[in-house]
PDB file of N, CA and C in Angstrom:
ATOM      1  N   MET A   1     125.458 310.702  81.494  1.00  0.00           N
ATOM      2  CA  MET A   1     124.889 311.383  81.926  1.00  0.00           C
ATOM      3  C   MET A   1     124.660 312.895  81.935  1.00  0.00           C
ATOM      4  N   PHE A   2     124.175 313.613  81.071  1.00  0.00           N
ATOM      5  CA  PHE A   2     124.117 315.115  80.752  1.00  0.00           C
ATOM      6  C   PHE A   2     123.148 315.775  81.881  1.00  0.00           C
ATOM      7  N   GLY A   3     123.670 316.702  82.336  1.00  0.00           N
ATOM      8  CA  GLY A   3     122.954 317.716  82.725  1.00  0.00           C
ATOM      9  C   GLY A   3     122.601 319.018  83.054  1.00  0.00           C
ATOM     10  N   THR A   4     121.603 319.716  82.906  1.00  0.00           N
ATOM     11  CA  THR A   4     121.448 321.457  81.972  1.00  0.00           C
ATOM     12  C   THR A   4     121.042 321.827  83.420  1.00  0.00           C
ATOM     13  N   TYR A   5     121.112 323.197  83.500  1.00  0.00           N
ATOM     14  CA  TYR A   5     119.747 324.378  84.195  1.00  0.00           C
ATOM     15  C   TYR A   5     119.292 325.597  82.759  1.00  0.00           C
ATOM     16  N   LEU A   6     119.745 324.940  81.554  1.00  0.00           N
ATOM     17  CA  LEU A   6     119.158 325.861  80.723  1.00  0.00           C
ATOM     18  C   LEU A   6     117.786 325.360  80.502  1.00  0.00           C
ATOM     19  N   HIS A   7     117.078 326.766  80.075  1.00  0.00           N
ATOM     20  CA  HIS A   7     115.851 326.839  79.602  1.00  0.00           C
ATOM     21  C   HIS A   7     115.693 327.210  78.336  1.00  0.00           C
ATOM     22  N   GLY A   8     114.693 326.233  77.611  1.00  0.00           N
ATOM     23  CA  GLY A   8     113.879 326.326  76.350  1.00  0.00           C
ATOM     24  C   GLY A   8     115.184 325.256  75.578  1.00  0.00           C
ATOM     25  N   PRO A   9     115.001 325.352  74.076  1.00  0.00           N
ATOM     26  CA  PRO A   9     115.492 324.438  73.148  1.00  0.00           C
ATOM     27  C   PRO A   9     117.139 323.729  73.290  1.00  0.00           C
ATOM     28  N   VAL A  10     117.781 323.077  73.791  1.00  0.00           N
ATOM     29  CA  VAL A  10     119.306 323.160  74.023  1.00  0.00           C
ATOM     30  C   VAL A  10     119.488 322.470  72.828  1.00  0.00           C
ATOM     31  N   LEU A  11     119.196 321.189  72.209  1.00  0.00           N
ATOM     32  CA  LEU A  11     119.808 320.538  71.070  1.00  0.00           C
ATOM     33  C   LEU A  11     119.504 321.285  69.765  1.00  0.00           C
ATOM     34  N   PRO A  12     118.801 322.183  69.568  1.00  0.00           N
ATOM     35  CA  PRO A  12     118.409 322.727  68.528  1.00  0.00           C
ATOM     36  C   PRO A  12     119.582 324.329  68.208  1.00  0.00           C
ATOM     37  N   LYS A  13     119.597 324.675  69.436  1.00  0.00           N
ATOM     38  CA  LYS A  13     120.779 325.698  69.607  1.00  0.00           C
ATOM     39  C   LYS A  13     122.166 325.238  69.895  1.00  0.00           C
ATOM     40  N   ASN A  14     122.099 324.276  70.106  1.00  0.00           N
ATOM     41  CA  ASN A  14     123.629 323.560  70.807  1.00  0.00           C
ATOM     42  C   ASN A  14     123.949 322.661  69.409  1.00  0.00           C
ATOM     43  N   PRO A  15     124.220 322.361  68.243  1.00  0.00           N
ATOM     44  CA  PRO A  15     124.234 321.163  67.451  1.00  0.00           C
ATOM     45  C   PRO A  15     125.540 320.430  67.710  1.00  0.00           C
ATOM     46  N   HIS A  16     126.419 321.265  68.928  1.00  0.00           N
ATOM     47  CA  HIS A  16     127.250 320.440  69.116  1.00  0.00           C
ATOM     48  C   HIS A  16     127.325 319.155  70.102  1.00  0.00           C
ATOM     49  N   ILE A  17     126.119 319.187  70.798  1.00  0.00           N
ATOM     50  CA  ILE A  17     125.858 318.413  71.824  1.00  0.00           C
ATOM     51  C   ILE A  17     125.033 317.543  71.088  1.00  0.00           C
ATOM     52  N   ALA A  18     124.013 318.055  70.337  1.00  0.00           N
ATOM     53  CA  ALA A  18     123.341 317.062  69.318  1.00  0.00           C
ATOM     54  C   ALA A  18     123.974 315.855  68.355  1.00  0.00           C
ATOM     55  N   ASP A  19     125.151 316.086  68.386  1.00  0.00           N
ATOM     56  CA  ASP A  19     126.068 315.890  67.430  1.00  0.00           C
ATOM     57  C   ASP A  19     126.313 314.517  68.393  1.00  0.00           C
ATOM     58  N   LEU A  20     127.559 314.664  69.412  1.00  0.00           N
ATOM     59  CA  LEU A  20     127.986 314.370  70.607  1.00  0.00           C
ATOM     60  C   LEU A  20     126.717 313.125  71.134  1.00  0.00           C
ATOM     61  N   LEU A  21     125.564 313.591  71.035  1.00  0.00           N
ATOM     62  CA  LEU A  21     124.401 312.930  71.768  1.00  0.00           C
ATOM     63  C   LEU A  21     124.355 311.560  70.787  1.00  0.00           C
ATOM     64  N   LEU A  22     124.175 311.809  69.568  1.00  0.00           N
ATOM     65  CA  LEU A  22     123.623 310.823  68.703  1.00  0.00           C
ATOM     66  C   LEU A  22     124.648 310.435  68.277  1.00  0.00           C
ATOM     67  N   SER A  23     126.184 310.404  68.302  1.00  0.00           N
ATOM     68  CA  SER A  23     127.273 309.822  68.149  1.00  0.00           C
ATOM     69  C   SER A  23     127.415 308.296  69.291  1.00  0.00           C
ATOM     70  N   LEU A  24     127.047 309.301  70.364  1.00  0.00           N
ATOM     71  CA  LEU A  24     127.018 308.502  71.221  1.00  0.00           C
ATOM     72  C   LEU A  24     125.857 306.857  71.399  1.00  0.00           C
ATOM     73  N   ALA A  25     124.400 307.659  71.082  1.00  0.00           N
ATOM     74  CA  ALA A  25     123.566 306.374  71.177  1.00  0.00           C
ATOM     75  C   ALA A  25     124.079 305.708  69.576  1.00  0.00           C
ATOM     76  N   LEU A  26     124.872 306.226  68.541  1.00  0.00           N
ATOM     77  CA  LEU A  26     125.052 305.075  67.798  1.00  0.00           C
ATOM     78  C   LEU A  26     125.736 304.234  68.036  1.00  0.00           C
ATOM     79  N   ALA A  27     127.072 304.434  68.546  1.00  0.00           N
ATOM     80  CA  ALA A  27     128.385 303.781  69.170  1.00  0.00           C
ATOM     81  C   ALA A  27     128.002 302.478  70.323  1.00  0.00           C
ATOM     82  N   ARG A  28     126.382 302.708  71.145  1.00  0.00           N
ATOM     83  CA  ARG A  28     126.075 302.006  72.051  1.00  0.00           C
ATOM     84  C   ARG A  28     125.159 301.263  71.419  1.00  0.00           C
ATOM     85  N   GLN A  29     124.729 300.889  70.259  1.00  0.00           N
ATOM     86  CA  GLN A  29     123.805 300.375  69.537  1.00  0.00           C
ATOM     87  C   GLN A  29     124.732 299.299  68.497  1.00  0.00           C
ATOM     88  N   GLY A  30     126.023 299.857  68.497  1.00  0.00           N
ATOM     89  CA  GLY A  30     127.153 299.332  67.758  1.00  0.00           C
ATOM     90  C   GLY A  30     126.969 299.317  66.222  1.00  0.00           C
ATOM     91  N   GLU A  31     126.470 300.277  65.932  1.00  0.00           N
ATOM     92  CA  GLU A  31     126.628 301.311  64.452  1.00  0.00           C
ATOM     93  C   GLU A  31     127.708 302.054  64.593  1.00  0.00           C
ATOM     94  N   PRO A  32     127.922 302.505  63.533  1.00  0.00           N
ATOM     95  CA  PRO A  32     129.193 303.703  62.749  1.00  0.00           C
ATOM     96  C   PRO A  32     128.733 304.883  63.657  1.00  0.00           C
ATOM     97  N   PRO A  33     129.539 305.606  64.437  1.00  0.00           N
ATOM     98  CA  PRO A  33     129.549 306.716  65.470  1.00  0.00           C
ATOM     99  C   PRO A  33     129.136 307.801  64.591  1.00  0.00           C
ATOM    100  N   GLU A  34     129.317 308.147  63.488  1.00  0.00           N
ATOM    101  CA  GLU A  34     129.700 309.253  62.539  1.00  0.00           C
ATOM    102  C   GLU A  34     128.622 309.027  61.627  1.00  0.00           C
ATOM    103  N   LEU A  35     128.028 309.908  61.275  1.00  0.00           N
ATOM    104  CA  LEU A  35     126.872 310.472  60.330  1.00  0.00           C
ATOM    105  C   LEU A  35     127.337 311.055  59.122  1.00  0.00           C
ATOM    106  N   PRO A  36     126.389 311.215  58.056  1.00  0.00           N
ATOM    107  CA  PRO A  36     127.385 312.180  57.007  1.00  0.00           C
ATOM    108  C   PRO A  36     126.938 313.913  57.606  1.00  0.00           C
ATOM    109  N   PRO A  37     128.311 314.888  57.339  1.00  0.00           N
ATOM    110  CA  PRO A  37     127.538 316.303  57.764  1.00  0.00           C
ATOM    111  C   PRO A  37     125.966 317.018  57.363  1.00  0.00           C
ATOM    112  N   LEU A  38     125.652 317.574  58.146  1.00  0.00           N
ATOM    113  CA  LEU A  38     124.515 317.818  57.733  1.00  0.00           C
ATOM    114  C   LEU A  38     125.024 320.191  57.522  1.00  0.00           C
ATOM    115  N   ASP A  39     123.904 320.614  57.033  1.00  0.00           N
ATOM    116  CA  ASP A  39     123.704 322.032  56.796  1.00  0.00           C
ATOM    117  C   ASP A  39     123.625 322.752  58.340  1.00  0.00           C
ATOM    118  N   ASP A  40     124.507 323.090  58.972  1.00  0.00           N
ATOM    119  CA  ASP A  40     124.314 323.720  60.709  1.00  0.00           C
ATOM    120  C   ASP A  40     124.531 324.899  60.464  1.00  0.00           C
ATOM    121  N   ALA A  41     124.121 325.893  59.571  1.00  0.00           N
ATOM    122  CA  ALA A  41     124.062 326.897  59.395  1.00  0.00           C
ATOM    123  C   ALA A  41     122.989 327.892  60.016  1.00  0.00           C
ATOM    124  N   ALA A  42     122.439 327.579  59.897  1.00  0.00           N
ATOM    125  CA  ALA A  42     120.814 328.245  61.154  1.00  0.00           C
ATOM    126  C   ALA A  42     121.528 327.565  62.660  1.00  0.00           C
ATOM    127  N   GLU A  43     121.776 326.369  63.085  1.00  0.00           N
ATOM    128  CA  GLU A  43     122.263 325.917  64.300  1.00  0.00           C
ATOM    129  C   GLU A  43     123.039 326.763  64.833  1.00  0.00           C
ATOM    130  N   ILE A  44     124.090 326.591  64.107  1.00  0.00           N
ATOM    131  CA  ILE A  44     125.293 327.269  63.854  1.00  0.00           C
ATOM    132  C   ILE A  44     124.890 329.041  64.690  1.00  0.00           C
ATOM    133  N   ALA A  45     124.272 329.691  63.831  1.00  0.00           N
ATOM    134  CA  ALA A  45     123.844 331.286  63.967  1.00  0.00           C
ATOM    135  C   ALA A  45     123.074 331.200  65.211  1.00  0.00           C
ATOM    136  N   ALA A  46     122.071 330.403  65.510  1.00  0.00           N
ATOM    137  CA  ALA A  46     121.103 330.377  66.623  1.00  0.00           C
ATOM    138  C   ALA A  46     122.729 330.023  67.927  1.00  0.00           C
ATOM    139  N   HIS A  47     123.407 329.348  68.178  1.00  0.00           N
ATOM    140  CA  HIS A  47     124.092 328.981  68.817  1.00  0.00           C
ATOM    141  C   HIS A  47     124.896 330.325  69.144  1.00  0.00           C
ATOM    142  N   ARG A  48     125.861 331.161  67.865  1.00  0.00           N
ATOM    143  CA  ARG A  48     126.871 332.449  68.363  1.00  0.00           C
ATOM    144  C   ARG A  48     125.480 333.171  68.835  1.00  0.00           C
ATOM    145  N   ALA A  49     124.440 333.078  68.653  1.00  0.00           N
ATOM    146  CA  ALA A  49     123.307 334.252  69.029  1.00  0.00           C
ATOM    147  C   ALA A  49     123.432 334.633  70.280  1.00  0.00           C
ATOM    148  N   MET A  50     123.054 333.290  70.653  1.00  0.00           N
ATOM    149  CA  MET A  50     122.979 333.217  72.337  1.00  0.00           C
ATOM    150  C   MET A  50     124.154 332.847  73.131  1.00  0.00           C
ATOM    151  N   LEU A  51     125.483 332.724  72.294  1.00  0.00           N
ATOM    152  CA  LEU A  51     126.733 333.433  73.178  1.00  0.00           C
ATOM    153  C   LEU A  51     126.776 334.714  73.248  1.00  0.00           C
ATOM    154  N   ALA A  52     126.150 335.342  72.065  1.00  0.00           N
ATOM    155  CA  ALA A  52     126.774 337.223  72.191  1.00  0.00           C
ATOM    156  C   ALA A  52     125.586 337.812  73.345  1.00  0.00           C
ATOM    157  N   ARG A  53     124.548 337.289  73.597  1.00  0.00           N
ATOM    158  CA  ARG A  53     123.811 337.534  74.561  1.00  0.00           C
ATOM    159  C   ARG A  53     124.490 337.484  75.925  1.00  0.00           C
ATOM    160  N   HIS A  54     125.200 336.844  76.449  1.00  0.00           N
ATOM    161  CA  HIS A  54     126.085 336.598  77.490  1.00  0.00           C
ATOM    162  C   HIS A  54     127.223 337.448  77.482  1.00  0.00           C
TER     163      HIS A  54
END
């Protein structure tokens, strides 16, 4: 279980959590838990921008 008190789009702004949730879901279904890498440049930039605000 994952809980959050965040408001707004958590997964698009934190690709690390999105990747973790996808890996866990694939592993649960018996699939290889690794996906080919995607270009997460925009998501990483959004994540860093959110970190810089605090």
